[in-house]
Amino acid sequence: MRTITYLFPIYNEAGNIDLLHKTVSEVVKPLEDRCRVNFIYVNDGSRDDSLALLNAVADADDRVTVIDLSRNFGHQLAVTAGLDLADADAVIIMDSDMQDPPSVSLELVEKWEQGYDVVYAQRRSRQDTAFKKATARAFYWFLRKVAEIDIPENTGDFRLIDRKVVEELRKFREHNRFLRGLVSFIGFRQTAVQFDRDKRHAGVTGYPLRKMLRFAADGIVGFSAAPLKLISKVGYFISFLAFVGICYVVGVKLFLPDTAVPGWAFITSAVFFLGGIQLIMLGVLGSYVGRIYTEVQGRPLYSVASVRTGTNVPNDARVLAS
């Protein structure tokens, strides 16, 4: 009998945990005649009562494993910690805010049983703010233009991945992680399941604008050298404008000297403009160099405070690798 693990990263989700586990437990009942199902909850340094509620869930259900990280490491590293522990034939990654309908996971399993190694849930519609919809659309449009791999549009981390894909993912230990990009990079047989994303049940999003921008940067910088190539293109363009300007100045001096007007304001504006361009380009370079520095340090991706393992989890899954 094959094993399926449901993986949930948790950050300040006290208002969702009980409903989430109750709902998922009901949803997976049709699978229990042909699969063993267990659950991994990764507490990513929550500041509310999430950990206490997760321990209560684990007390009531021996299929539940709770990983408590030593602090908040971020959504992507919390998922990574769960993947490092999971010992299953397939892992289903879901958010814990009830926006990912648990019932869709059954469709993911059906596609997996048909032979697909990665089945990602693709949003057909989403109940988010107009701002978030617009920025998400712009991000995926830009990512498709510059990324060196094909990352499906309107997808998150809600997906099923086969054991062999999980084992490949464990080889990737980069800190600035963009998991949906890594899964696309790995390859294997992949397909989509369309779904309508619900509203958040309780709590607030763990991705405010600042984190969204940083996450977008991880996706773009991690899978494209286009920003670096853009520096050269901008340099060539500015050099061309400078050459045109020089030709204009020389022409005026030679042929229309009486019309030449001292242009200190223009010169000052040009200097500041070029200075701003240079600083922006240095910032782009700094983004890449900073990521190199982080990787060279060789620090662990995360630290674990405790692992509470259910009795219904295979013994060889009780050692967590970081």
Protein backbone atom coordinates (compact mmCIF):
# COMPACT_ATOMS: atom_id res chain seq x y z
CA MET A 1 0.00 0.00 0.00
CA ARG A 2 1.42 3.38 -1.01
CA THR A 3 1.82 6.33 1.35
CA ILE A 4 0.71 9.93 0.82
CA THR A 5 1.86 12.76 3.09
CA TYR A 6 0.03 16.07 3.34
CA LEU A 7 2.45 18.90 4.17
CA PHE A 8 1.29 22.18 5.72
CA PRO A 9 3.56 25.13 6.62
CA ILE A 10 2.10 26.99 9.59
CA TYR A 11 2.71 30.61 10.57
CA ASN A 12 0.21 32.25 12.94
CA GLU A 13 -2.68 30.08 11.76
CA ALA A 14 -4.38 29.43 15.10
CA GLY A 15 -7.75 30.33 13.61
CA ASN A 16 -7.42 27.76 10.83
CA ILE A 17 -5.73 24.68 12.29
CA ASP A 18 -8.71 22.83 13.76
CA LEU A 19 -10.91 23.40 10.71
CA LEU A 20 -8.04 22.53 8.37
CA HIS A 21 -7.28 19.19 9.99
CA LYS A 22 -10.94 18.28 10.37
CA THR A 23 -11.61 19.09 6.71
CA VAL A 24 -8.56 17.28 5.36
CA SER A 25 -9.27 14.22 7.52
CA GLU A 26 -12.74 13.99 5.96
CA VAL A 27 -11.43 14.57 2.44
CA VAL A 28 -8.84 11.77 2.58
CA LYS A 29 -11.29 9.05 3.66
CA PRO A 30 -11.84 7.85 0.06
CA LEU A 31 -8.06 7.29 -0.20
CA GLU A 32 -7.73 5.14 2.91
CA ASP A 33 -8.77 1.92 1.20
CA ARG A 34 -5.75 2.09 -1.11
CA CYS A 35 -3.24 4.46 0.53
CA ARG A 36 -1.78 5.21 3.93
CA VAL A 37 -2.23 8.92 4.65
CA ASN A 38 -0.34 11.01 7.18
CA PHE A 39 0.13 14.70 7.86
CA ILE A 40 3.15 16.90 8.53
CA TYR A 41 2.64 20.34 10.05
CA VAL A 42 5.66 22.66 10.14
CA ASN A 43 5.36 25.42 12.72
CA ASP A 44 7.44 28.24 11.27
CA GLY A 45 8.05 30.25 14.43
CA SER A 46 4.41 31.17 15.01
CA ARG A 47 3.75 33.86 17.64
CA ASP A 48 0.19 32.80 18.41
CA ASP A 49 -1.19 29.52 19.79
CA SER A 50 -0.49 27.54 16.62
CA LEU A 51 2.05 25.20 18.22
CA ALA A 52 -0.22 24.33 21.15
CA LEU A 53 -3.09 23.62 18.76
CA LEU A 54 -0.86 21.47 16.56
CA ASN A 55 0.26 19.43 19.57
CA ALA A 56 -3.39 18.94 20.51
CA VAL A 57 -4.11 17.70 16.98
CA ALA A 58 -1.15 15.32 17.23
CA ASP A 59 -2.48 14.00 20.56
CA ALA A 60 -5.80 13.18 18.92
CA ASP A 61 -4.46 11.78 15.63
CA ASP A 62 -1.40 9.52 15.49
CA ARG A 63 -1.00 10.22 11.77
CA VAL A 64 0.17 13.75 12.59
CA THR A 65 3.80 14.87 12.82
CA VAL A 66 4.63 18.36 14.09
CA ILE A 67 7.95 20.01 13.21
CA ASP A 68 8.66 23.08 15.33
CA LEU A 69 11.32 25.32 13.77
CA SER A 70 13.48 27.35 16.15
CA ARG A 71 12.29 30.64 14.61
CA ASN A 72 10.52 31.98 11.56
CA PHE A 73 12.54 30.95 8.50
CA GLY A 74 9.90 31.72 5.88
CA HIS A 75 7.33 29.74 3.93
CA GLN A 76 9.74 28.17 1.43
CA LEU A 77 12.15 26.88 4.07
CA ALA A 78 9.27 25.59 6.20
CA VAL A 79 8.09 23.55 3.21
CA THR A 80 11.68 22.39 2.69
CA ALA A 81 11.85 21.16 6.29
CA GLY A 82 8.69 19.13 5.76
CA LEU A 83 10.01 17.66 2.51
CA ASP A 84 13.23 16.66 4.26
CA LEU A 85 11.25 14.68 6.80
CA ALA A 86 8.60 13.20 4.54
CA ASP A 87 8.99 9.52 3.71
CA ALA A 88 6.09 8.88 1.36
CA ASP A 89 5.40 7.81 -2.19
CA ALA A 90 3.84 11.23 -2.80
CA VAL A 91 3.75 14.54 -0.92
CA ILE A 92 0.93 17.07 -1.27
CA ILE A 93 1.96 20.61 -0.35
CA MET A 94 -0.86 22.91 0.71
CA ASP A 95 -1.22 26.28 2.40
CA SER A 96 -2.94 26.22 5.76
CA ASP A 97 -5.28 29.21 5.33
CA MET A 98 -8.03 27.17 3.59
CA GLN A 99 -7.54 29.06 0.33
CA ASP A 100 -6.37 25.81 -1.25
CA PRO A 101 -9.52 23.61 -1.20
CA PRO A 102 -8.53 20.24 0.34
CA SER A 103 -10.97 18.44 -1.98
CA VAL A 104 -8.78 19.38 -4.97
CA SER A 105 -6.06 17.13 -3.54
CA LEU A 106 -8.12 14.10 -4.59
CA GLU A 107 -7.87 15.26 -8.20
CA LEU A 108 -4.11 15.60 -7.77
CA VAL A 109 -3.94 12.02 -6.52
CA GLU A 110 -5.98 10.78 -9.50
CA LYS A 111 -3.49 12.35 -11.93
CA TRP A 112 -0.60 10.88 -9.94
CA GLU A 113 -2.15 7.43 -10.16
CA GLN A 114 -2.30 7.92 -13.93
CA GLY A 115 1.49 8.14 -13.96
CA TYR A 116 2.34 11.84 -13.52
CA ASP A 117 5.23 12.72 -11.19
CA VAL A 118 4.20 16.34 -10.52
CA VAL A 119 0.59 17.52 -10.45
CA TYR A 120 0.28 21.23 -9.76
CA ALA A 121 -2.95 23.01 -8.92
CA GLN A 122 -3.46 25.90 -11.34
CA ARG A 123 -5.75 28.74 -10.31
CA ARG A 124 -8.72 29.24 -12.61
CA SER A 125 -9.96 32.09 -10.41
CA ARG A 126 -8.90 33.62 -7.11
CA GLN A 127 -10.71 35.69 -4.49
CA ASP A 128 -7.95 38.21 -3.78
CA THR A 129 -7.69 41.98 -3.96
CA ALA A 130 -7.42 43.65 -7.34
CA PHE A 131 -3.90 44.77 -6.41
CA LYS A 132 -2.74 41.23 -5.67
CA LYS A 133 -4.31 39.87 -8.85
CA ALA A 134 -2.65 42.58 -10.93
CA THR A 135 0.79 42.14 -9.35
CA ALA A 136 0.59 38.35 -9.66
CA ARG A 137 -0.34 38.65 -13.33
CA ALA A 138 2.52 41.09 -13.95
CA PHE A 139 5.00 38.88 -12.09
CA TYR A 140 4.19 35.74 -14.06
CA TRP A 141 4.21 37.68 -17.33
CA PHE A 142 7.67 39.04 -16.59
CA LEU A 143 8.91 35.69 -15.30
CA ARG A 144 7.84 33.96 -18.52
CA LYS A 145 9.76 36.54 -20.50
CA VAL A 146 13.05 36.28 -18.62
CA ALA A 147 13.19 32.86 -16.95
CA GLU A 148 15.38 30.17 -18.46
CA ILE A 149 12.77 27.50 -17.66
CA ASP A 150 9.01 27.29 -18.17
CA ILE A 151 7.24 28.04 -14.88
CA PRO A 152 3.45 27.56 -15.21
CA GLU A 153 1.34 30.67 -14.74
CA ASN A 154 -1.14 31.06 -11.87
CA THR A 155 0.40 28.33 -9.75
CA GLY A 156 1.60 28.36 -6.19
CA ASP A 157 3.12 25.63 -4.08
CA PHE A 158 -0.15 23.67 -3.94
CA ARG A 159 0.88 20.49 -5.76
CA LEU A 160 1.54 16.78 -5.49
CA ILE A 161 5.10 15.61 -6.04
CA ASP A 162 6.24 12.02 -6.36
CA ARG A 163 8.91 10.47 -4.14
CA LYS A 164 11.58 10.68 -6.85
CA VAL A 165 10.91 14.40 -7.29
CA VAL A 166 11.19 14.93 -3.52
CA GLU A 167 14.52 13.11 -3.53
CA GLU A 168 15.77 15.35 -6.33
CA LEU A 169 14.56 18.47 -4.50
CA ARG A 170 16.59 17.46 -1.44
CA LYS A 171 19.75 17.88 -3.52
CA PHE A 172 19.01 21.59 -3.98
CA ARG A 173 20.18 23.38 -0.82
CA GLU A 174 20.10 27.00 -1.96
CA HIS A 175 18.85 29.48 0.64
CA ASN A 176 16.85 31.90 -1.52
CA ARG A 177 14.37 29.27 -2.61
CA PHE A 178 11.64 29.47 -5.22
CA LEU A 179 10.23 25.97 -4.96
CA ARG A 180 7.79 26.12 -7.86
CA GLY A 181 10.73 27.11 -10.05
CA LEU A 182 12.89 24.30 -8.69
CA VAL A 183 10.15 21.75 -9.40
CA SER A 184 9.89 23.02 -12.97
CA PHE A 185 13.68 22.89 -13.31
CA ILE A 186 13.82 19.25 -12.16
CA GLY A 187 11.39 18.14 -14.85
CA PHE A 188 9.72 14.68 -14.90
CA ARG A 189 6.14 14.23 -16.11
CA GLN A 190 4.06 17.21 -15.03
CA THR A 191 0.44 18.20 -15.51
CA ALA A 192 -2.07 20.70 -14.13
CA VAL A 193 -5.42 20.51 -12.34
CA GLN A 194 -7.59 23.63 -12.58
CA PHE A 195 -9.26 24.93 -9.42
CA ASP A 196 -10.96 28.01 -7.97
CA ARG A 197 -9.08 29.48 -5.03
CA ASP A 198 -11.14 30.40 -1.96
CA LYS A 199 -10.85 33.29 0.45
CA ARG A 200 -8.64 33.02 3.52
CA HIS A 201 -10.71 31.56 6.36
CA ALA A 202 -9.03 33.37 9.26
CA GLY A 203 -5.95 35.37 10.14
CA VAL A 204 -3.84 37.57 7.89
CA THR A 205 -1.57 36.70 5.02
CA GLY A 206 2.03 35.77 5.75
CA TYR A 207 3.06 37.55 2.55
CA PRO A 208 2.80 41.33 2.95
CA LEU A 209 4.08 43.52 0.11
CA ARG A 210 7.69 43.48 1.33
CA LYS A 211 7.83 39.68 1.40
CA MET A 212 6.02 39.45 -1.93
CA LEU A 213 8.66 41.66 -3.56
CA ARG A 214 11.49 39.64 -2.04
CA PHE A 215 9.86 36.38 -3.16
CA ALA A 216 9.43 37.75 -6.67
CA ALA A 217 13.11 38.73 -6.70
CA ASP A 218 14.08 35.19 -5.64
CA GLY A 219 12.11 33.80 -8.57
CA ILE A 220 13.57 36.20 -11.13
CA VAL A 221 17.18 36.27 -9.92
CA GLY A 222 17.22 32.55 -9.17
CA PHE A 223 16.14 31.51 -12.66
CA SER A 224 17.33 34.25 -14.99
CA ALA A 225 20.46 36.19 -15.88
CA ALA A 226 18.32 38.75 -17.74
CA PRO A 227 18.85 41.54 -15.15
CA LEU A 228 22.62 41.20 -15.62
CA LYS A 229 22.27 41.27 -19.41
CA LEU A 230 20.03 44.32 -19.08
CA ILE A 231 22.91 46.24 -17.52
CA SER A 232 24.93 45.94 -20.72
CA LYS A 233 21.94 46.91 -22.87
CA VAL A 234 21.27 50.00 -20.76
CA GLY A 235 24.97 50.88 -20.97
CA TYR A 236 24.94 50.60 -24.76
CA PHE A 237 21.78 52.71 -24.99
CA ILE A 238 23.16 55.49 -22.77
CA SER A 239 26.44 55.45 -24.70
CA PHE A 240 24.46 55.86 -27.92
CA LEU A 241 22.56 58.83 -26.46
CA ALA A 242 25.85 60.34 -25.31
CA PHE A 243 27.32 59.93 -28.82
CA VAL A 244 24.27 61.61 -30.36
CA GLY A 245 24.60 64.42 -27.84
CA ILE A 246 28.27 64.91 -28.68
CA CYS A 247 27.50 65.04 -32.40
CA TYR A 248 24.79 67.63 -31.72
CA VAL A 249 27.09 69.83 -29.61
CA VAL A 250 29.92 69.66 -32.18
CA GLY A 251 27.49 70.44 -34.99
CA VAL A 252 26.09 73.49 -33.20
CA LYS A 253 29.58 74.76 -32.37
CA LEU A 254 30.75 74.40 -35.97
CA PHE A 255 27.73 75.48 -37.96
CA LEU A 256 25.51 77.52 -35.60
CA PRO A 257 27.85 79.00 -33.01
CA ASP A 258 25.56 81.99 -32.37
CA THR A 259 22.74 79.73 -31.21
CA ALA A 260 24.82 77.79 -28.69
CA VAL A 261 23.54 78.38 -25.15
CA PRO A 262 25.46 77.31 -22.02
CA GLY A 263 23.48 74.41 -20.54
CA TRP A 264 24.54 73.96 -16.94
CA ALA A 265 21.06 72.74 -15.95
CA PHE A 266 21.14 70.15 -18.71
CA ILE A 267 24.61 68.98 -17.74
CA THR A 268 23.65 68.70 -14.07
CA SER A 269 20.49 66.73 -14.91
CA ALA A 270 22.47 64.41 -17.17
CA VAL A 271 25.03 63.76 -14.43
CA PHE A 272 22.33 62.93 -11.88
CA PHE A 273 20.52 60.76 -14.41
CA LEU A 274 23.65 58.75 -15.17
CA GLY A 275 24.45 58.52 -11.46
CA GLY A 276 21.00 57.10 -10.76
CA ILE A 277 21.34 54.56 -13.55
CA GLN A 278 24.71 53.47 -12.19
CA LEU A 279 23.32 53.02 -8.68
CA ILE A 280 20.42 50.94 -9.99
CA MET A 281 22.82 48.73 -11.93
CA LEU A 282 25.02 48.34 -8.86
CA GLY A 283 21.91 47.26 -6.95
CA VAL A 284 21.19 44.57 -9.51
CA LEU A 285 24.76 43.33 -9.26
CA GLY A 286 24.48 43.46 -5.48
CA SER A 287 21.42 41.18 -5.56
CA TYR A 288 23.42 38.47 -7.32
CA VAL A 289 26.55 39.00 -5.24
CA GLY A 290 24.52 38.92 -2.02
CA ARG A 291 23.05 35.56 -2.96
CA ILE A 292 26.53 34.25 -3.74
CA TYR A 293 27.70 35.43 -0.29
CA THR A 294 24.76 33.69 1.41
CA GLU A 295 25.51 30.41 -0.35
CA VAL A 296 29.26 30.58 0.33
CA GLN A 297 28.60 30.86 4.07
CA GLY A 298 27.25 27.31 3.94
CA ARG A 299 24.84 27.73 6.86
CA PRO A 300 21.99 25.25 7.45
CA LEU A 301 18.73 26.17 5.77
CA TYR A 302 16.82 26.00 9.04
CA SER A 303 17.06 24.88 12.66
CA VAL A 304 14.60 22.56 14.36
CA ALA A 305 13.49 23.00 17.96
CA SER A 306 11.56 19.72 18.12
CA VAL A 307 9.90 17.03 16.05
CA ARG A 308 6.80 15.34 17.39
CA THR A 309 6.36 12.24 15.26
CA GLY A 310 3.16 10.27 15.10
CA THR A 311 3.21 6.50 15.52
CA ASN A 312 1.73 6.06 12.05
CA VAL A 313 4.84 7.49 10.34
CA PRO A 314 7.58 5.11 9.09
CA ASN A 315 10.52 4.83 11.48
CA ASP A 316 13.11 5.86 8.90
CA ALA A 317 11.32 9.17 8.50
CA ARG A 318 12.00 10.17 12.08
CA VAL A 319 15.42 11.63 11.42
CA LEU A 320 15.24 15.13 10.00
CA ALA A 321 18.04 16.22 7.68
CA SER A 322 18.86 19.87 7.38
